């Protein structure tokens, strides 16, 4: 579930709602029927996510990630919290806004896109944000294209 969030930006509730019929291995797309905005959304599978999800061999109406009774998982598994604790990621952090949570994985996905110089519009669409303002918090991670553009002009003129 953690890797799925890191690779797709999916929220925990969206991940736990994925059923076998939502997985399109032919086109490497996951349909999100229970998205935050109430619409059906689609995200792309990376090769590692495809391999993992295919290995679950989930029946069409079954949840990919389920509890021992085959029902939808309602809370982040204890494994996530215990791993975060074991690795010391939240050690000494008193401001709850700075704590590593499952939702942090979604923010990491967006941050990685920005650090890879993806356009804000692309990040907005992949994050499925309604407005560009929601995406702007990642803008500071995108390299300074304006400086690069000016330097390219200087290089064209021979450095005068």
Protein backbone atom coordinates (compact mmCIF):
# COMPACT_ATOMS: atom_id res chain seq x y z
CA UNK A 1 0.00 0.00 0.00
CA UNK A 2 2.86 2.36 0.82
CA UNK A 3 4.59 1.79 -2.50
CA UNK A 4 1.29 2.23 -4.33
CA UNK A 5 0.84 5.65 -2.71
CA UNK A 6 4.45 6.64 -3.46
CA UNK A 7 4.13 5.67 -7.13
CA UNK A 8 0.63 7.00 -7.82
CA UNK A 9 -0.17 9.63 -5.21
CA UNK A 10 -3.26 7.71 -4.13
CA UNK A 11 -4.82 8.44 -0.76
CA UNK A 12 -5.21 5.63 1.78
CA UNK A 13 -9.00 5.47 1.36
CA UNK A 14 -8.61 5.28 -2.42
CA UNK A 15 -6.08 2.45 -2.15
CA UNK A 16 -8.25 0.40 0.17
CA UNK A 17 -11.21 0.79 -2.20
CA UNK A 18 -9.44 -0.76 -5.19
CA UNK A 19 -11.01 -4.01 -6.35
CA UNK A 20 -9.89 -6.54 -8.93
CA UNK A 21 -12.13 -5.07 -11.64
CA UNK A 22 -10.42 -1.68 -11.15
CA UNK A 23 -7.10 -3.04 -12.40
CA UNK A 24 -6.55 -2.73 -16.14
CA UNK A 25 -3.31 -4.61 -16.76
CA UNK A 26 -3.66 -4.24 -20.52
CA UNK A 27 -3.33 -0.44 -20.27
CA UNK A 28 -1.59 -0.29 -16.87
CA UNK A 29 -4.33 1.85 -15.35
CA UNK A 30 -6.03 1.71 -11.96
CA UNK A 31 -9.58 3.07 -11.82
CA UNK A 32 -10.46 4.85 -8.61
CA UNK A 33 -14.22 4.65 -8.16
CA UNK A 34 -14.18 6.01 -4.62
CA UNK A 35 -12.08 9.16 -5.13
CA UNK A 36 -12.16 12.18 -2.85
CA UNK A 37 -13.87 14.29 -5.51
CA UNK A 38 -16.65 11.72 -5.97
CA UNK A 39 -15.72 11.06 -9.60
CA UNK A 40 -14.06 8.07 -11.17
CA UNK A 41 -10.35 8.81 -11.53
CA UNK A 42 -7.59 6.89 -13.23
CA UNK A 43 -3.94 6.56 -12.27
CA UNK A 44 -1.07 4.89 -14.06
CA UNK A 45 0.70 1.75 -12.90
CA UNK A 46 4.47 1.76 -12.89
CA UNK A 47 6.12 -1.56 -13.84
CA UNK A 48 6.84 -2.43 -10.18
CA UNK A 49 3.27 -1.64 -9.13
CA UNK A 50 1.93 -3.70 -12.04
CA UNK A 51 4.03 -6.68 -10.97
CA UNK A 52 2.93 -6.42 -7.33
CA UNK A 53 -0.78 -6.00 -8.12
CA UNK A 54 -0.76 -8.79 -10.68
CA UNK A 55 0.71 -11.07 -7.99
CA UNK A 56 -2.33 -10.53 -5.77
CA UNK A 57 -4.54 -12.29 -8.35
CA UNK A 58 -7.57 -10.47 -6.95
CA UNK A 59 -11.05 -11.64 -8.05
CA UNK A 60 -13.07 -8.93 -9.87
CA UNK A 61 -15.29 -8.01 -6.90
CA UNK A 62 -12.65 -8.58 -4.24
CA UNK A 63 -10.59 -5.87 -2.57
CA UNK A 64 -6.91 -5.91 -3.45
CA UNK A 65 -6.00 -4.93 0.10
CA UNK A 66 -8.33 -6.56 2.59
CA UNK A 67 -8.46 -7.58 6.22
CA UNK A 68 -8.41 -11.22 7.31
CA UNK A 69 -12.20 -11.40 6.74
CA UNK A 70 -11.84 -10.26 3.12
CA UNK A 71 -13.36 -6.85 3.94
CA UNK A 72 -12.11 -3.40 3.09
CA UNK A 73 -9.37 -2.14 5.40
CA UNK A 74 -10.56 0.89 7.38
CA UNK A 75 -7.36 2.06 9.10
CA UNK A 76 -3.69 2.30 8.21
CA UNK A 77 -2.16 -1.04 9.23
CA UNK A 78 -0.05 -1.16 12.38
CA UNK A 79 2.85 -2.28 10.20
CA UNK A 80 3.17 1.23 8.78
CA UNK A 81 3.30 2.89 12.19
CA UNK A 82 5.67 0.30 13.64
CA UNK A 83 8.02 0.66 10.65
CA UNK A 84 8.04 4.46 10.96
CA UNK A 85 8.78 4.09 14.67
CA UNK A 86 11.47 1.45 14.14
CA UNK A 87 13.23 3.63 11.58
CA UNK A 88 13.00 6.65 13.87
CA UNK A 89 11.39 8.91 11.26
CA UNK A 90 9.24 10.74 13.83
CA UNK A 91 11.73 10.64 16.68
CA UNK A 92 11.96 13.97 18.47
CA UNK A 93 9.26 15.60 16.36
CA UNK A 94 6.73 17.44 18.51
CA UNK A 95 4.84 19.37 15.81
CA UNK A 96 2.22 16.92 14.49
CA UNK A 97 2.31 18.70 11.10
CA UNK A 98 5.88 17.47 10.69
CA UNK A 99 5.18 13.83 11.49
CA UNK A 100 5.55 11.18 8.82
CA UNK A 101 2.10 9.73 8.19
CA UNK A 102 0.66 7.58 5.45
CA UNK A 103 -0.59 10.74 3.72
CA UNK A 104 3.04 11.95 3.59
CA UNK A 105 3.58 9.34 0.87
CA UNK A 106 1.15 11.22 -1.39
CA UNK A 107 3.06 14.45 -0.79
CA UNK A 108 6.32 12.65 -1.53
CA UNK A 109 4.92 11.54 -4.91
CA UNK A 110 4.11 15.17 -5.78
CA UNK A 111 7.46 16.39 -4.49
CA UNK A 112 9.33 13.84 -6.59
CA UNK A 113 7.42 15.01 -9.67
CA UNK A 114 8.36 18.63 -8.94
CA UNK A 115 11.99 17.73 -8.27
CA UNK A 116 11.96 15.98 -11.65
CA UNK A 117 10.92 19.32 -13.22
CA UNK A 118 7.43 18.20 -14.20
CA UNK A 119 5.11 21.06 -15.10
CA UNK A 120 2.72 22.19 -12.39
CA UNK A 121 -0.26 21.39 -14.63
CA UNK A 122 0.97 17.80 -14.98
CA UNK A 123 1.46 17.53 -11.22
CA UNK A 124 -2.04 18.95 -10.67
CA UNK A 125 -3.55 16.35 -13.00
CA UNK A 126 -1.59 13.43 -11.53
CA UNK A 127 -2.46 14.52 -7.98
CA UNK A 128 -6.06 15.05 -9.12
CA UNK A 129 -6.20 18.48 -7.50
CA UNK A 130 -9.26 20.57 -8.38
CA UNK A 131 -7.30 23.83 -8.50
CA UNK A 132 -3.75 24.77 -9.40
CA UNK A 133 -3.52 26.60 -6.05
CA UNK A 134 -3.54 23.22 -4.29
CA UNK A 135 -0.57 22.20 -6.42
CA UNK A 136 1.39 25.43 -5.96
CA UNK A 137 2.85 24.23 -2.64
CA UNK A 138 5.20 22.07 -4.72
CA UNK A 139 6.31 24.90 -7.05
CA UNK A 140 9.36 25.80 -4.96
CA UNK A 141 10.80 22.36 -5.70
CA UNK A 142 10.86 22.94 -9.45
CA UNK A 143 14.20 24.22 -10.73
CA UNK A 144 14.49 27.86 -11.66
CA UNK A 145 13.68 27.72 -15.38
CA UNK A 146 13.73 31.53 -15.68
CA UNK A 147 17.41 31.72 -14.72
CA UNK A 148 18.22 28.87 -17.08
CA UNK A 149 16.35 30.63 -19.92
CA UNK A 150 18.30 33.86 -19.39
CA UNK A 151 21.60 32.00 -19.24
CA UNK A 152 20.75 30.21 -22.49
CA UNK A 153 20.31 33.57 -24.24
CA UNK A 154 23.71 34.74 -22.99
CA UNK A 155 25.28 31.54 -24.31
CA UNK A 156 23.67 32.10 -27.73
CA UNK A 157 25.20 35.59 -27.99
CA UNK A 158 28.68 34.29 -27.28
CA UNK A 159 28.84 35.35 -23.64
CA UNK A 160 29.13 39.15 -24.24
